[in-house]
Structure formats: C-alpha cells, structure tokens
Protein backbone atom coordinates (compact mmCIF):
# COMPACT_ATOMS: atom_id res chain seq x y z
CA MET A 1 -157.41 32.46 18.59
CA PRO A 2 -156.13 29.50 16.55
CA ARG A 3 -158.09 26.29 16.53
CA ASP A 4 -156.24 23.53 18.32
CA THR A 5 -156.32 19.95 17.08
CA PRO A 6 -157.95 17.67 19.66
CA PRO A 7 -156.33 14.42 20.80
CA PRO A 8 -156.70 11.58 18.31
CA ARG A 9 -159.66 9.25 18.19
CA THR A 10 -158.13 5.81 18.15
CA GLY A 11 -159.33 2.25 17.94
CA ASN A 12 -160.11 0.13 20.94
CA SER A 13 -156.89 -1.86 21.14
CA GLU A 14 -153.84 -0.83 23.13
CA THR A 15 -151.74 -0.92 19.96
CA GLU A 16 -154.10 1.40 18.07
CA THR A 17 -154.17 3.78 21.03
CA LEU A 18 -150.39 3.91 21.38
CA LEU A 19 -149.83 4.35 17.64
CA GLY A 20 -152.50 7.06 17.45
CA PHE A 21 -150.99 8.97 20.33
CA LEU A 22 -147.51 8.69 18.79
CA ASP A 23 -148.62 9.93 15.39
CA TYR A 24 -150.31 12.93 17.02
CA PRO A 25 -147.11 14.70 18.21
CA ARG A 26 -145.20 13.43 15.16
CA THR A 27 -147.61 15.31 12.91
CA SER A 28 -147.58 18.34 15.19
CA ILE A 29 -143.83 18.84 15.28
CA ALA A 30 -143.41 18.33 11.54
CA ALA A 31 -146.10 20.97 10.95
CA LYS A 32 -144.32 23.42 13.29
CA VAL A 33 -141.14 23.17 11.24
CA ASP A 34 -142.78 22.96 7.82
CA GLY A 35 -142.96 26.40 6.23
CA CYS A 36 -141.04 28.19 8.96
CA PRO A 37 -138.87 30.84 7.29
CA GLU A 38 -135.08 30.82 7.06
CA PRO A 39 -133.01 31.66 8.99
CA GLN A 40 -135.46 31.58 11.94
CA VAL A 41 -136.10 27.84 11.54
CA ARG A 42 -132.47 27.19 12.49
CA THR A 43 -131.91 30.13 14.82
CA ALA A 44 -131.68 29.38 18.54
CA GLY A 45 -134.77 30.62 20.32
CA VAL A 46 -133.44 30.09 23.83
CA PRO A 47 -130.02 30.33 25.52
CA SER A 48 -129.50 26.54 25.30
CA GLY A 49 -129.29 26.83 21.51
CA THR A 50 -132.48 24.88 20.80
CA ASN A 51 -133.99 25.54 17.39
CA LEU A 52 -136.79 24.02 15.32
CA LEU A 53 -134.65 22.22 12.76
CA GLY A 54 -132.43 20.78 15.45
CA LEU A 55 -135.42 19.37 17.35
CA LEU A 56 -136.79 17.67 14.25
CA ASN A 57 -133.38 16.39 13.19
CA HIS A 58 -132.89 14.91 16.67
CA LEU A 59 -136.27 13.16 16.54
CA THR A 60 -135.34 11.68 13.16
CA PHE A 61 -132.33 10.04 14.77
CA VAL A 62 -134.37 8.86 17.77
CA GLU A 63 -136.93 7.20 15.47
CA ARG A 64 -134.16 5.56 13.46
CA ALA A 65 -132.41 4.26 16.56
CA MET A 66 -135.57 3.05 18.28
CA PHE A 67 -137.42 1.43 15.41
CA LEU A 68 -134.90 0.94 12.58
CA GLY A 69 -131.89 -0.19 14.61
CA GLU A 70 -129.50 2.55 13.52
CA GLN A 71 -126.63 3.35 15.87
CA VAL A 72 -126.16 6.87 17.22
CA THR A 73 -122.83 7.67 18.82
CA ASP A 74 -123.27 11.40 19.41
CA TRP A 75 -126.77 12.24 20.66
CA GLN A 76 -125.92 15.91 21.23
CA GLY A 77 -124.77 16.11 17.62
CA THR A 78 -128.21 15.04 16.42
CA PHE A 79 -129.50 18.49 17.33
CA GLU A 80 -127.18 20.05 14.73
CA VAL A 81 -128.29 20.47 11.13
CA ALA A 82 -126.00 20.95 8.14
CA ARG A 83 -126.12 24.44 6.64
CA ALA A 84 -127.01 22.92 3.26
CA ASP A 85 -130.16 21.33 4.68
CA ARG A 86 -133.25 23.41 4.11
CA GLY A 87 -136.23 23.15 6.42
CA ALA A 88 -138.13 21.19 3.77
CA ASP A 89 -135.25 18.68 3.57
CA VAL A 90 -135.33 18.02 7.31
CA VAL A 91 -139.14 17.72 7.35
CA ALA A 92 -139.09 15.30 4.39
CA ARG A 93 -136.36 13.19 6.02
CA TYR A 94 -138.35 13.05 9.27
CA ARG A 95 -141.59 12.10 7.52
CA LYS A 96 -139.80 9.37 5.52
CA THR A 97 -138.26 8.01 8.73
CA VAL A 98 -141.67 7.96 10.43
CA GLU A 99 -143.11 6.14 7.41
CA ARG A 100 -140.35 3.51 7.62
CA ALA A 101 -140.81 3.19 11.40
CA ASN A 102 -144.56 2.70 10.94
CA GLU A 103 -143.89 -0.06 8.39
CA VAL A 104 -141.86 -1.86 11.06
CA LEU A 105 -144.51 -1.24 13.71
CA ASP A 106 -147.30 -2.48 11.42
CA ARG A 107 -145.64 -5.92 11.48
CA CYS A 108 -145.47 -5.99 15.30
CA THR A 109 -148.43 -7.77 16.80
CA ASP A 110 -147.21 -8.43 20.35
CA LEU A 111 -146.58 -5.30 22.43
CA GLY A 112 -144.55 -7.38 24.89
CA ALA A 113 -142.12 -8.55 22.20
CA PRO A 114 -138.81 -6.75 21.69
CA VAL A 115 -138.56 -4.07 19.03
CA PRO A 116 -137.23 -5.81 15.90
CA ARG A 117 -133.96 -3.92 15.55
CA ARG A 118 -130.34 -4.95 15.29
CA GLN A 119 -128.06 -3.21 17.75
CA PRO A 120 -125.39 -5.63 18.95
CA GLY A 121 -124.81 -5.37 22.69
CA HIS A 122 -127.99 -3.34 23.24
CA PRO A 123 -131.01 -5.42 24.19
CA ALA A 124 -134.15 -4.17 22.49
CA PRO A 125 -136.94 -2.85 24.70
CA SER A 126 -140.47 -4.11 24.32
CA ILE A 127 -142.60 -2.53 21.64
CA ARG A 128 -144.91 -1.21 24.37
CA TRP A 129 -141.98 0.52 26.14
CA ALA A 130 -140.62 1.89 22.85
CA LEU A 131 -143.99 3.35 21.84
CA THR A 132 -144.55 4.88 25.27
CA HIS A 133 -141.05 6.35 25.30
CA MET A 134 -141.48 7.78 21.80
CA ILE A 135 -144.80 9.39 22.77
CA GLU A 136 -143.04 11.09 25.68
CA GLU A 137 -139.93 12.06 23.67
CA THR A 138 -141.83 13.36 20.66
CA GLY A 139 -144.44 15.12 22.80
CA ARG A 140 -141.77 16.89 24.87
CA HIS A 141 -139.98 18.15 21.77
CA ALA A 142 -143.26 19.06 20.05
CA GLY A 143 -144.07 21.26 23.06
CA GLN A 144 -140.70 22.96 22.75
CA ALA A 145 -141.36 23.46 19.03
CA ASP A 146 -144.75 25.02 19.82
CA ILE A 147 -143.05 27.69 21.91
CA LEU A 148 -140.20 28.30 19.44
CA ARG A 149 -142.57 28.67 16.50
CA GLU A 150 -144.81 31.07 18.40
CA LEU A 151 -141.75 33.18 19.26
CA ILE A 152 -140.74 33.24 15.58
CA ASP A 153 -143.96 34.28 13.88
CA GLY A 154 -146.85 33.93 16.29
CA THR A 155 -148.02 30.58 14.90
CA ALA A 156 -149.81 28.78 17.72
CA GLY A 157 -151.84 25.61 18.11
CA ARG A 158 -151.17 22.12 16.81
C-alpha cells in the first residue's frame, strides 16, 4: 500500500494555516499529473470528459484569476489543453502560476483585506475568502485527479 502524505504542519497563525492547507493540494495535484504518460494524461477517464491535464490547466486559470487578476471569459474552455502542450508544459505553467500567486499572497498581511487584483467591475473578495475558496477548489480537483491517476496506472496516495 502506498504511503500517504499527512496533512501539513503549519504555523500558529491563521494565515500560515490557510497557506499551508492550500499548498498541500496544489502539490498533490501537480504530482498526479507530473510523469503521467501520454496519451493517458489527456484522455478522458469519465463520461464527462474530465482528464488530468484539463484539471491542472483549469486550476492554473483559477489561480491566475483569483490572485493575479487575469480575466477568464470561458471557464469551460479552461479544461481544454492544446495538443502541442505536453504534460510537463502544463505542470510547469501551473507551478509558475502558483509561485507568482504566492508572491502576491506573501505581501498580504490582513486576511480581511481584498485580494490585490485588478478586475474592473468585479469586486475582489477578501484574502481569507479567496484562500478558503482555493483550498476547496484545488482540493476537489486534486481528489478527482487521485481517482483518474489510479485508473490510468494504479498510482495512489498523495
């Protein structure tokens, strides 16, 4: 049986706890996609069409919209990955986006303050709400990725 990674040990502050619990599923889902063979990494594992690369690509767009202020006009389209993109490309793009998002979050000291993003006509949520939402969003998709990866090659655990 594979060894599962336990929940993160975080600092004592609310900010450290939220950031620790966000990085946990971020790392998990990137690891599920990383090294998954072609074409399985982009092949739908369920009737809805969900696949590993699509999940990670979608989360890249969610991170960019939430923390970097990028506009997304077609959320369903974020689950689609260009044929030219290899799994490693999508993983690298996601990790770079997470790194940029963390740079923004490192400058945020008040969890009640709005996320520092520029989206005209869209009021920014509080940093606390954004972190909590991203934990839920990333965790949900990481769980889906766990199942898809196990169906592909038996890889299980975080």
